[in-house]
Amino acid sequence: MNEGFEKGLLNMCIGEKRKLVVPSGMAYGGTKVYGSEIMGRVLPDSTLVYNVELLDILNEVDAAPHLVW
């Protein structure tokens, strides 16, 4: 995850949906990032847009990443 994505999730409530627009400086800056087959690659200096919905909040024991694409 990147700084902008993490900040965009702050104070979200279960069931809430948000569109996060993350400027390059809060994402990956000038670095090229290679992700999974689903995510693909992120070009340097890209603004990222995420549509997110908070489905649940897990406790620390269950806190492994659970991203649904």
N, C-alpha and C. Protein backbone atom coordinates (compact mmCIF):
# COMPACT_ATOMS: atom_id res chain seq x y z
N MET A 1 0.84 -1.17 0.00
CA MET A 1 0.00 0.00 0.00
C MET A 1 0.89 1.24 0.00
N ASN A 2 0.29 2.35 -0.28
CA ASN A 2 1.02 3.59 -0.30
C ASN A 2 0.41 4.57 0.69
N GLU A 3 1.12 5.65 0.96
CA GLU A 3 0.70 6.64 1.96
C GLU A 3 -0.70 7.19 1.68
N GLY A 4 -0.96 7.53 0.44
CA GLY A 4 -2.26 8.12 0.08
C GLY A 4 -3.41 7.14 0.29
N PHE A 5 -3.19 5.86 -0.03
CA PHE A 5 -4.22 4.83 0.15
C PHE A 5 -4.50 4.67 1.64
N GLU A 6 -3.44 4.57 2.45
CA GLU A 6 -3.61 4.40 3.89
C GLU A 6 -4.35 5.59 4.50
N LYS A 7 -3.98 6.81 4.13
CA LYS A 7 -4.65 7.99 4.67
C LYS A 7 -6.10 8.05 4.21
N GLY A 8 -6.38 7.58 3.01
CA GLY A 8 -7.74 7.60 2.49
C GLY A 8 -8.68 6.66 3.22
N LEU A 9 -8.12 5.67 3.91
CA LEU A 9 -8.95 4.71 4.65
C LEU A 9 -9.25 5.15 6.08
N LEU A 10 -8.55 6.18 6.55
CA LEU A 10 -8.75 6.63 7.93
C LEU A 10 -10.21 7.01 8.19
N ASN A 11 -10.71 6.61 9.34
CA ASN A 11 -12.06 6.93 9.81
C ASN A 11 -13.18 6.40 8.92
N MET A 12 -12.88 5.41 8.09
CA MET A 12 -13.92 4.80 7.27
C MET A 12 -14.79 3.90 8.14
N CYS A 13 -16.06 3.83 7.82
CA CYS A 13 -17.02 2.97 8.52
C CYS A 13 -17.32 1.74 7.68
N ILE A 14 -17.64 0.64 8.33
CA ILE A 14 -18.01 -0.57 7.62
C ILE A 14 -19.19 -0.26 6.70
N GLY A 15 -19.08 -0.70 5.45
CA GLY A 15 -20.12 -0.47 4.46
C GLY A 15 -19.93 0.81 3.65
N GLU A 16 -19.02 1.67 4.10
CA GLU A 16 -18.79 2.93 3.41
C GLU A 16 -17.98 2.70 2.13
N LYS A 17 -18.28 3.48 1.11
CA LYS A 17 -17.55 3.45 -0.15
C LYS A 17 -16.89 4.80 -0.37
N ARG A 18 -15.67 4.78 -0.92
CA ARG A 18 -14.95 6.01 -1.22
C ARG A 18 -14.20 5.87 -2.53
N LYS A 19 -14.04 6.98 -3.20
CA LYS A 19 -13.16 7.06 -4.36
C LYS A 19 -11.93 7.82 -3.90
N LEU A 20 -10.77 7.17 -3.93
CA LEU A 20 -9.53 7.80 -3.49
C LEU A 20 -8.72 8.21 -4.72
N VAL A 21 -8.36 9.45 -4.80
CA VAL A 21 -7.49 9.95 -5.86
C VAL A 21 -6.17 10.30 -5.19
N VAL A 22 -5.14 9.52 -5.48
CA VAL A 22 -3.86 9.64 -4.80
C VAL A 22 -2.82 10.25 -5.74
N PRO A 23 -2.37 11.46 -5.45
CA PRO A 23 -1.35 12.09 -6.30
C PRO A 23 -0.03 11.33 -6.21
N SER A 24 0.78 11.48 -7.23
CA SER A 24 2.06 10.79 -7.32
C SER A 24 2.90 10.91 -6.06
N GLY A 25 2.95 12.10 -5.48
CA GLY A 25 3.78 12.33 -4.29
C GLY A 25 3.34 11.54 -3.07
N MET A 26 2.08 11.09 -3.05
CA MET A 26 1.60 10.27 -1.93
C MET A 26 1.45 8.81 -2.35
N ALA A 27 1.87 8.51 -3.58
CA ALA A 27 1.81 7.13 -4.08
C ALA A 27 3.24 6.61 -4.22
N TYR A 28 3.71 6.47 -5.45
CA TYR A 28 5.02 5.88 -5.68
C TYR A 28 6.02 6.86 -6.30
N GLY A 29 5.62 8.12 -6.48
CA GLY A 29 6.54 9.13 -7.00
C GLY A 29 7.11 8.75 -8.36
N GLY A 30 8.40 8.90 -8.51
CA GLY A 30 9.06 8.62 -9.78
C GLY A 30 9.48 7.18 -9.97
N THR A 31 9.05 6.29 -9.07
CA THR A 31 9.43 4.88 -9.13
C THR A 31 8.44 4.09 -9.97
N LYS A 32 8.96 3.23 -10.86
CA LYS A 32 8.09 2.32 -11.61
C LYS A 32 7.82 1.12 -10.70
N VAL A 33 6.56 0.73 -10.58
CA VAL A 33 6.18 -0.35 -9.68
C VAL A 33 5.54 -1.46 -10.50
N TYR A 34 6.00 -2.68 -10.26
CA TYR A 34 5.41 -3.85 -10.91
C TYR A 34 4.58 -4.58 -9.88
N GLY A 35 3.30 -4.77 -10.18
CA GLY A 35 2.40 -5.45 -9.25
C GLY A 35 2.07 -6.84 -9.74
N SER A 36 0.94 -7.34 -9.32
CA SER A 36 0.47 -8.65 -9.73
C SER A 36 -0.11 -8.57 -11.14
N GLU A 37 -0.55 -9.71 -11.66
CA GLU A 37 -1.21 -9.72 -12.97
C GLU A 37 -2.46 -8.86 -12.97
N ILE A 38 -3.14 -8.81 -11.83
CA ILE A 38 -4.37 -8.04 -11.73
C ILE A 38 -4.06 -6.54 -11.70
N MET A 39 -3.07 -6.16 -10.88
CA MET A 39 -2.75 -4.75 -10.72
C MET A 39 -1.95 -4.21 -11.91
N GLY A 40 -1.10 -5.04 -12.49
CA GLY A 40 -0.27 -4.57 -13.59
C GLY A 40 0.87 -3.71 -13.09
N ARG A 41 1.28 -2.74 -13.89
CA ARG A 41 2.39 -1.88 -13.48
C ARG A 41 1.90 -0.46 -13.28
N VAL A 42 2.62 0.27 -12.46
CA VAL A 42 2.31 1.67 -12.22
C VAL A 42 3.48 2.47 -12.79
N LEU A 43 3.18 3.35 -13.72
CA LEU A 43 4.22 4.16 -14.33
C LEU A 43 4.70 5.25 -13.37
N PRO A 44 5.94 5.70 -13.52
CA PRO A 44 6.46 6.78 -12.66
C PRO A 44 5.57 8.02 -12.73
N ASP A 45 5.44 8.71 -11.61
CA ASP A 45 4.70 9.96 -11.50
C ASP A 45 3.21 9.83 -11.83
N SER A 46 2.64 8.67 -11.58
CA SER A 46 1.22 8.43 -11.86
C SER A 46 0.34 8.87 -10.71
N THR A 47 -0.82 9.43 -11.04
CA THR A 47 -1.89 9.65 -10.07
C THR A 47 -2.72 8.38 -10.06
N LEU A 48 -3.01 7.85 -8.89
CA LEU A 48 -3.75 6.60 -8.77
C LEU A 48 -5.17 6.87 -8.32
N VAL A 49 -6.12 6.09 -8.85
CA VAL A 49 -7.52 6.21 -8.47
C VAL A 49 -7.99 4.84 -7.98
N TYR A 50 -8.53 4.81 -6.77
CA TYR A 50 -9.06 3.58 -6.18
C TYR A 50 -10.53 3.80 -5.84
N ASN A 51 -11.36 2.80 -6.13
CA ASN A 51 -12.73 2.76 -5.64
C ASN A 51 -12.74 1.68 -4.57
N VAL A 52 -12.99 2.06 -3.32
CA VAL A 52 -12.89 1.11 -2.21
C VAL A 52 -14.21 1.04 -1.44
N GLU A 53 -14.43 -0.12 -0.85
CA GLU A 53 -15.57 -0.32 0.06
C GLU A 53 -15.03 -1.10 1.25
N LEU A 54 -15.30 -0.61 2.46
CA LEU A 54 -14.85 -1.29 3.66
C LEU A 54 -15.89 -2.34 4.04
N LEU A 55 -15.49 -3.60 3.92
CA LEU A 55 -16.41 -4.71 4.17
C LEU A 55 -16.41 -5.15 5.62
N ASP A 56 -15.24 -5.07 6.28
CA ASP A 56 -15.14 -5.56 7.65
C ASP A 56 -13.86 -5.00 8.27
N ILE A 57 -13.77 -5.07 9.57
CA ILE A 57 -12.55 -4.70 10.29
C ILE A 57 -12.13 -5.93 11.09
N LEU A 58 -10.92 -6.40 10.83
CA LEU A 58 -10.42 -7.60 11.49
C LEU A 58 -9.56 -7.22 12.68
N ASN A 59 -9.51 -8.11 13.67
CA ASN A 59 -8.62 -7.87 14.80
C ASN A 59 -7.19 -8.19 14.39
N GLU A 60 -6.21 -7.89 15.24
CA GLU A 60 -4.81 -8.06 14.88
C GLU A 60 -4.45 -9.49 14.52
N VAL A 61 -5.08 -10.47 15.16
CA VAL A 61 -4.78 -11.87 14.88
C VAL A 61 -5.16 -12.22 13.44
N ASP A 62 -6.25 -11.66 12.94
CA ASP A 62 -6.73 -11.94 11.59
C ASP A 62 -6.29 -10.89 10.58
N ALA A 63 -5.33 -10.06 10.93
CA ALA A 63 -5.04 -8.86 10.15
C ALA A 63 -4.19 -9.07 8.90
N ALA A 64 -4.08 -10.28 8.39
CA ALA A 64 -3.38 -10.47 7.12
C ALA A 64 -4.15 -9.70 6.04
N PRO A 65 -3.46 -9.17 5.05
CA PRO A 65 -4.15 -8.37 4.01
C PRO A 65 -5.25 -9.16 3.32
N HIS A 66 -6.40 -8.56 3.18
CA HIS A 66 -7.55 -9.16 2.50
C HIS A 66 -8.08 -8.16 1.47
N LEU A 67 -7.35 -7.97 0.40
CA LEU A 67 -7.80 -7.06 -0.65
C LEU A 67 -8.60 -7.84 -1.67
N VAL A 68 -9.73 -7.28 -2.06
CA VAL A 68 -10.57 -7.91 -3.08
C VAL A 68 -10.54 -7.03 -4.31
N TRP A 69 -10.12 -7.57 -5.43
CA TRP A 69 -10.02 -6.80 -6.66
C TRP A 69 -11.22 -7.03 -7.51
